[in-house]
């Protein structure tokens, strides 16, 4: 058994379906609390949870982390689709953009977001 410390970070996610006024296409406006994570500890578990006023029928169906990396694990999605969990080994400094994939009764919906959401800053 390893004696490594594991850190936990929780993020509240508000996801509101809307129509993009410029294109007329459906999209999801996402707000994160906190808006950006600065990860300093190794082996940090990041939990994202959908919270009110997110519609009850909206669910996580996946996640895309860019750029591709070996720092952040594939996601674990809860059975009810309201939580998604990642492990960030945080051994290399870098910034990552998280894009959630949402589903509503089986249909995926795009999301509006595109800023660094996770900043790895390993302690030296």
N, C-alpha and C. Protein backbone atom coordinates (compact mmCIF):
# COMPACT_ATOMS: atom_id res chain seq x y z
N UNK A 1 0.84 -1.17 0.00
CA UNK A 1 0.00 0.00 0.00
C UNK A 1 0.89 1.24 0.00
N UNK A 2 0.50 2.23 -0.79
CA UNK A 2 1.26 3.47 -0.91
C UNK A 2 0.90 4.43 0.21
N UNK A 3 1.88 5.22 0.64
CA UNK A 3 1.64 6.23 1.66
C UNK A 3 1.42 7.61 1.05
N UNK A 4 1.23 7.67 -0.28
CA UNK A 4 1.03 8.95 -0.93
C UNK A 4 -0.28 9.59 -0.50
N UNK A 5 -0.20 10.89 -0.26
CA UNK A 5 -1.39 11.67 0.09
C UNK A 5 -2.22 11.92 -1.16
N UNK A 6 -3.52 11.85 -1.02
CA UNK A 6 -4.43 12.16 -2.11
C UNK A 6 -5.22 13.40 -1.72
N UNK A 7 -5.29 14.38 -2.62
CA UNK A 7 -6.06 15.59 -2.38
C UNK A 7 -7.37 15.52 -3.15
N UNK A 8 -8.39 16.20 -2.64
CA UNK A 8 -9.70 16.23 -3.28
C UNK A 8 -10.10 17.67 -3.55
N UNK A 9 -10.66 17.90 -4.73
CA UNK A 9 -11.18 19.21 -5.10
C UNK A 9 -12.57 19.04 -5.67
N UNK A 10 -13.52 19.79 -5.16
CA UNK A 10 -14.90 19.71 -5.64
C UNK A 10 -15.24 20.97 -6.43
N UNK A 11 -15.93 20.77 -7.55
CA UNK A 11 -16.33 21.87 -8.41
C UNK A 11 -17.83 21.78 -8.67
N UNK A 12 -18.53 22.87 -8.38
CA UNK A 12 -19.96 22.93 -8.69
C UNK A 12 -20.13 23.38 -10.13
N UNK A 13 -20.96 22.67 -10.88
CA UNK A 13 -21.19 22.96 -12.29
C UNK A 13 -22.65 23.33 -12.49
N UNK A 14 -22.87 24.53 -13.01
CA UNK A 14 -24.21 24.95 -13.42
C UNK A 14 -24.23 24.89 -14.94
N UNK A 15 -25.19 24.16 -15.50
CA UNK A 15 -25.29 23.98 -16.95
C UNK A 15 -26.70 24.33 -17.39
N UNK A 16 -26.81 25.36 -18.21
CA UNK A 16 -28.12 25.87 -18.63
C UNK A 16 -28.24 25.79 -20.16
N UNK A 17 -29.18 24.98 -20.67
CA UNK A 17 -29.40 24.95 -22.12
C UNK A 17 -29.90 26.30 -22.60
N UNK A 18 -29.41 26.71 -23.78
CA UNK A 18 -29.86 27.96 -24.38
C UNK A 18 -29.61 27.91 -25.88
N UNK A 19 -30.06 28.93 -26.56
CA UNK A 19 -29.85 29.03 -28.00
C UNK A 19 -28.84 30.14 -28.24
N UNK A 20 -27.81 29.82 -29.03
CA UNK A 20 -26.80 30.81 -29.40
C UNK A 20 -27.46 31.82 -30.32
N UNK A 21 -27.51 33.09 -29.89
CA UNK A 21 -28.19 34.13 -30.67
C UNK A 21 -27.56 34.34 -32.04
N UNK A 22 -26.25 34.15 -32.16
CA UNK A 22 -25.57 34.37 -33.44
C UNK A 22 -25.84 33.26 -34.45
N UNK A 23 -25.90 32.00 -33.97
CA UNK A 23 -26.03 30.87 -34.90
C UNK A 23 -27.41 30.23 -34.88
N UNK A 24 -28.18 30.47 -33.81
CA UNK A 24 -29.48 29.83 -33.67
C UNK A 24 -29.40 28.38 -33.22
N UNK A 25 -28.18 27.89 -32.91
CA UNK A 25 -28.01 26.50 -32.49
C UNK A 25 -28.13 26.37 -30.97
N UNK A 26 -28.61 25.20 -30.56
CA UNK A 26 -28.69 24.89 -29.13
C UNK A 26 -27.29 24.67 -28.58
N UNK A 27 -27.09 25.11 -27.37
CA UNK A 27 -25.81 24.92 -26.68
C UNK A 27 -26.08 24.93 -25.19
N UNK A 28 -25.05 24.65 -24.41
CA UNK A 28 -25.17 24.65 -22.96
C UNK A 28 -24.19 25.67 -22.40
N UNK A 29 -24.70 26.62 -21.63
CA UNK A 29 -23.84 27.59 -20.95
C UNK A 29 -23.42 27.00 -19.62
N UNK A 30 -22.11 26.91 -19.42
CA UNK A 30 -21.57 26.27 -18.22
C UNK A 30 -20.88 27.31 -17.35
N UNK A 31 -21.15 27.25 -16.05
CA UNK A 31 -20.46 28.07 -15.07
C UNK A 31 -19.86 27.13 -14.03
N UNK A 32 -18.59 27.33 -13.72
CA UNK A 32 -17.90 26.50 -12.73
C UNK A 32 -17.63 27.32 -11.47
N UNK A 33 -17.76 26.67 -10.32
CA UNK A 33 -17.43 27.29 -9.05
C UNK A 33 -16.55 26.33 -8.26
N UNK A 34 -15.26 26.60 -8.15
CA UNK A 34 -14.53 27.76 -8.62
C UNK A 34 -14.33 27.70 -10.14
N UNK A 35 -14.14 28.87 -10.78
CA UNK A 35 -14.03 28.91 -12.23
C UNK A 35 -12.77 28.26 -12.79
N UNK A 36 -11.67 28.34 -12.05
CA UNK A 36 -10.41 27.73 -12.47
C UNK A 36 -9.80 27.02 -11.27
N UNK A 37 -9.29 25.82 -11.51
CA UNK A 37 -8.60 25.08 -10.45
C UNK A 37 -7.10 25.25 -10.62
N UNK A 38 -6.43 25.59 -9.55
CA UNK A 38 -4.97 25.60 -9.55
C UNK A 38 -4.55 24.42 -8.68
N UNK A 39 -4.05 23.39 -9.34
CA UNK A 39 -3.70 22.15 -8.65
C UNK A 39 -2.22 22.19 -8.29
N UNK A 40 -1.92 22.06 -6.99
CA UNK A 40 -0.53 22.09 -6.54
C UNK A 40 -0.08 20.76 -5.95
N UNK A 41 -1.02 19.92 -5.55
CA UNK A 41 -0.69 18.64 -4.92
C UNK A 41 -0.72 17.52 -5.96
N UNK A 42 0.15 16.52 -5.80
CA UNK A 42 0.09 15.36 -6.70
C UNK A 42 -1.15 14.53 -6.39
N UNK A 43 -1.56 13.72 -7.35
CA UNK A 43 -2.68 12.79 -7.16
C UNK A 43 -3.93 13.48 -6.61
N UNK A 44 -4.38 14.48 -7.32
CA UNK A 44 -5.57 15.23 -6.90
C UNK A 44 -6.80 14.67 -7.61
N UNK A 45 -7.80 14.32 -6.82
CA UNK A 45 -9.08 13.86 -7.35
C UNK A 45 -9.95 15.10 -7.56
N UNK A 46 -10.46 15.27 -8.79
CA UNK A 46 -11.31 16.41 -9.12
C UNK A 46 -12.73 15.89 -9.34
N UNK A 47 -13.66 16.36 -8.53
CA UNK A 47 -15.07 15.97 -8.64
C UNK A 47 -15.87 17.14 -9.18
N UNK A 48 -16.56 16.93 -10.30
CA UNK A 48 -17.46 17.93 -10.87
C UNK A 48 -18.89 17.46 -10.58
N UNK A 49 -19.72 18.35 -10.05
CA UNK A 49 -21.10 17.99 -9.70
C UNK A 49 -22.07 19.01 -10.28
N UNK A 50 -23.09 18.52 -10.99
CA UNK A 50 -24.14 19.40 -11.50
C UNK A 50 -25.00 19.87 -10.33
N UNK A 51 -25.23 21.19 -10.25
CA UNK A 51 -26.01 21.77 -9.17
C UNK A 51 -27.11 22.66 -9.75
N UNK A 52 -28.09 23.02 -8.90
CA UNK A 52 -29.17 23.92 -9.30
C UNK A 52 -28.59 25.26 -9.72
N UNK A 53 -29.13 25.87 -10.73
CA UNK A 53 -30.40 25.61 -11.41
C UNK A 53 -30.28 24.72 -12.65
N UNK A 54 -29.25 23.86 -12.72
CA UNK A 54 -29.14 22.92 -13.85
C UNK A 54 -30.41 22.07 -13.92
N UNK A 55 -31.02 21.95 -15.11
CA UNK A 55 -32.22 21.12 -15.23
C UNK A 55 -31.96 19.68 -14.78
N UNK A 56 -32.91 19.09 -14.08
CA UNK A 56 -32.75 17.75 -13.51
C UNK A 56 -32.47 16.69 -14.56
N UNK A 57 -32.97 16.87 -15.79
CA UNK A 57 -32.80 15.85 -16.82
C UNK A 57 -31.43 15.92 -17.52
N UNK A 58 -30.66 16.98 -17.28
CA UNK A 58 -29.36 17.12 -17.92
C UNK A 58 -28.33 16.26 -17.20
N UNK A 59 -27.52 15.53 -17.95
CA UNK A 59 -26.55 14.59 -17.40
C UNK A 59 -25.19 14.74 -18.07
N UNK A 60 -24.11 14.43 -17.33
CA UNK A 60 -22.79 14.28 -17.94
C UNK A 60 -22.80 12.97 -18.71
N UNK A 61 -22.27 12.99 -19.95
CA UNK A 61 -22.08 11.74 -20.69
C UNK A 61 -20.62 11.54 -21.07
N UNK A 62 -19.80 12.57 -20.86
CA UNK A 62 -18.38 12.45 -21.16
C UNK A 62 -17.67 13.75 -20.88
N UNK A 63 -16.37 13.74 -21.16
CA UNK A 63 -15.54 14.92 -20.94
C UNK A 63 -14.37 14.86 -21.90
N UNK A 64 -13.93 16.01 -22.37
CA UNK A 64 -12.75 16.12 -23.22
C UNK A 64 -11.79 17.06 -22.52
N UNK A 65 -10.55 16.62 -22.36
CA UNK A 65 -9.52 17.46 -21.76
C UNK A 65 -8.49 17.76 -22.84
N UNK A 66 -8.21 19.03 -23.06
CA UNK A 66 -7.25 19.42 -24.09
C UNK A 66 -6.17 20.30 -23.46
N UNK A 67 -4.95 20.22 -23.93
CA UNK A 67 -4.48 19.31 -24.96
C UNK A 67 -4.39 17.89 -24.42
N UNK A 68 -4.28 16.89 -25.33
CA UNK A 68 -4.10 15.51 -24.87
C UNK A 68 -2.89 15.44 -23.93
N UNK A 69 -3.00 14.63 -22.89
CA UNK A 69 -1.95 14.60 -21.88
C UNK A 69 -1.95 13.29 -21.12
N UNK A 70 -0.91 13.10 -20.31
CA UNK A 70 -0.84 11.93 -19.44
C UNK A 70 -0.98 12.34 -17.98
N UNK A 71 -1.56 13.52 -17.74
CA UNK A 71 -1.73 14.04 -16.39
C UNK A 71 -3.11 13.76 -15.82
N UNK A 72 -4.14 13.81 -16.67
CA UNK A 72 -5.52 13.70 -16.21
C UNK A 72 -6.12 12.41 -16.74
N UNK A 73 -6.69 11.62 -15.83
CA UNK A 73 -7.22 10.30 -16.16
C UNK A 73 -8.51 10.38 -16.98
N UNK A 74 -8.89 9.25 -17.60
CA UNK A 74 -10.23 9.18 -18.18
C UNK A 74 -11.27 9.37 -17.07
N UNK A 75 -12.46 9.82 -17.42
CA UNK A 75 -13.46 10.14 -16.39
C UNK A 75 -14.16 8.91 -15.83
N UNK A 76 -14.65 9.07 -14.61
CA UNK A 76 -15.61 8.13 -14.03
C UNK A 76 -16.90 8.92 -13.86
N UNK A 77 -17.97 8.45 -14.48
CA UNK A 77 -19.26 9.15 -14.43
C UNK A 77 -20.19 8.38 -13.51
N UNK A 78 -20.83 9.10 -12.59
CA UNK A 78 -21.75 8.45 -11.65
C UNK A 78 -22.93 7.82 -12.39
N UNK A 79 -23.57 6.89 -11.76
CA UNK A 79 -24.70 6.18 -12.36
C UNK A 79 -25.81 7.13 -12.77
N UNK A 80 -26.06 8.17 -11.97
CA UNK A 80 -27.13 9.11 -12.31
C UNK A 80 -26.68 10.21 -13.26
N UNK A 81 -25.37 10.24 -13.62
CA UNK A 81 -24.86 11.22 -14.57
C UNK A 81 -24.70 12.62 -14.03
N UNK A 82 -24.85 12.81 -12.74
CA UNK A 82 -24.77 14.16 -12.15
C UNK A 82 -23.38 14.49 -11.61
N UNK A 83 -22.48 13.50 -11.58
CA UNK A 83 -21.11 13.71 -11.09
C UNK A 83 -20.13 13.08 -12.06
N UNK A 84 -18.98 13.74 -12.20
CA UNK A 84 -17.90 13.18 -13.01
C UNK A 84 -16.60 13.39 -12.24
N UNK A 85 -15.74 12.37 -12.21
CA UNK A 85 -14.53 12.40 -11.41
C UNK A 85 -13.31 12.12 -12.28
N UNK A 86 -12.25 12.91 -12.05
CA UNK A 86 -10.97 12.74 -12.74
C UNK A 86 -9.86 12.65 -11.71
N UNK A 87 -8.75 12.01 -12.08
CA UNK A 87 -7.56 12.03 -11.25
C UNK A 87 -6.48 12.80 -11.99
N UNK A 88 -5.91 13.80 -11.35
CA UNK A 88 -4.83 14.60 -11.92
C UNK A 88 -3.54 14.23 -11.18
N UNK A 89 -2.62 13.54 -11.87
CA UNK A 89 -1.37 13.15 -11.20
C UNK A 89 -0.49 14.36 -10.91
N UNK A 90 -0.64 15.44 -11.70
CA UNK A 90 0.03 16.72 -11.47
C UNK A 90 1.53 16.56 -11.27
N UNK A 91 2.20 15.99 -12.28
CA UNK A 91 3.66 15.88 -12.23
C UNK A 91 4.35 16.82 -13.19
N UNK A 92 3.56 17.46 -14.09
CA UNK A 92 4.10 18.37 -15.09
C UNK A 92 3.25 19.63 -15.11
N UNK A 93 3.90 20.81 -15.15
CA UNK A 93 3.15 22.06 -15.21
C UNK A 93 2.45 22.17 -16.56
N UNK A 94 1.22 22.67 -16.54
CA UNK A 94 0.48 22.86 -17.78
C UNK A 94 -0.92 23.34 -17.51
N UNK A 95 -1.57 23.87 -18.55
CA UNK A 95 -2.95 24.34 -18.47
C UNK A 95 -3.81 23.46 -19.35
N UNK A 96 -5.01 23.14 -18.87
CA UNK A 96 -5.91 22.24 -19.58
C UNK A 96 -7.31 22.84 -19.65
N UNK A 97 -7.94 22.67 -20.79
CA UNK A 97 -9.32 23.10 -20.97
C UNK A 97 -10.20 21.86 -20.87
N UNK A 98 -11.21 21.95 -20.03
CA UNK A 98 -12.16 20.86 -19.83
C UNK A 98 -13.43 21.18 -20.58
N UNK A 99 -13.87 20.27 -21.44
CA UNK A 99 -15.13 20.42 -22.16
C UNK A 99 -16.03 19.25 -21.78
N UNK A 100 -17.14 19.56 -21.18
CA UNK A 100 -18.09 18.51 -20.79
C UNK A 100 -18.97 18.14 -21.97
N UNK A 101 -19.34 16.87 -22.02
CA UNK A 101 -20.34 16.40 -22.97
C UNK A 101 -21.58 16.09 -22.14
N UNK A 102 -22.69 16.68 -22.54
CA UNK A 102 -23.94 16.52 -21.80
C UNK A 102 -24.92 15.70 -22.62
N UNK A 103 -25.80 15.01 -21.93
CA UNK A 103 -26.87 14.30 -22.58
C UNK A 103 -28.18 14.62 -21.90
N UNK A 104 -29.24 14.57 -22.69
CA UNK A 104 -30.59 14.80 -22.19
C UNK A 104 -31.43 13.70 -22.80
N UNK A 105 -31.69 12.67 -22.01
CA UNK A 105 -32.42 11.50 -22.51
C UNK A 105 -31.73 10.92 -23.73
N UNK A 106 -30.38 10.76 -23.63
CA UNK A 106 -29.63 10.07 -24.66
C UNK A 106 -29.06 10.93 -25.77
N UNK A 107 -29.42 12.20 -25.85
CA UNK A 107 -28.88 13.05 -26.91
C UNK A 107 -27.77 13.93 -26.36
N UNK A 108 -26.63 13.93 -27.05
CA UNK A 108 -25.52 14.77 -26.62
C UNK A 108 -25.77 16.21 -27.04
N UNK A 109 -25.27 17.15 -26.25
CA UNK A 109 -25.43 18.57 -26.56
C UNK A 109 -24.07 19.24 -26.45
N UNK A 110 -23.78 20.21 -27.34
CA UNK A 110 -22.49 20.92 -27.22
C UNK A 110 -22.50 21.86 -26.03
N UNK A 111 -21.33 22.35 -25.68
CA UNK A 111 -21.26 23.28 -24.56
C UNK A 111 -20.45 24.49 -24.94
N UNK A 112 -20.76 25.63 -24.33
CA UNK A 112 -20.04 26.88 -24.57
C UNK A 112 -19.01 27.08 -23.47
N UNK A 113 -17.72 26.94 -23.80
CA UNK A 113 -16.65 27.18 -22.83
C UNK A 113 -15.32 27.03 -23.55
N UNK A 114 -14.29 27.69 -23.11
CA UNK A 114 -13.00 27.54 -23.76
C UNK A 114 -11.90 28.33 -23.09
N UNK A 115 -11.68 28.09 -21.82
CA UNK A 115 -10.61 28.77 -21.11
C UNK A 115 -9.89 27.72 -20.28
N UNK A 116 -8.67 28.01 -19.80
CA UNK A 116 -8.03 27.00 -18.95
C UNK A 116 -8.87 26.77 -17.70
N UNK A 117 -9.25 25.54 -17.49
CA UNK A 117 -10.07 25.18 -16.33
C UNK A 117 -9.24 24.51 -15.25
N UNK A 118 -8.14 23.88 -15.65
CA UNK A 118 -7.25 23.22 -14.70
C UNK A 118 -5.83 23.69 -14.99
N UNK A 119 -5.18 24.23 -14.00
CA UNK A 119 -3.80 24.68 -14.11
C UNK A 119 -2.95 23.82 -13.19
N UNK A 120 -2.08 23.00 -13.77
CA UNK A 120 -1.18 22.17 -12.97
C UNK A 120 0.03 23.00 -12.58
N UNK A 121 0.27 23.08 -11.29
CA UNK A 121 1.42 23.79 -10.75
C UNK A 121 2.05 22.92 -9.64
N UNK A 122 2.79 21.85 -10.05
CA UNK A 122 3.37 20.97 -9.03
C UNK A 122 4.32 21.72 -8.10
N UNK A 123 4.29 21.34 -6.84
CA UNK A 123 5.23 21.93 -5.89
C UNK A 123 6.62 21.42 -6.21
N UNK A 124 7.59 22.26 -6.07
CA UNK A 124 8.98 21.87 -6.36
C UNK A 124 9.72 21.65 -5.08
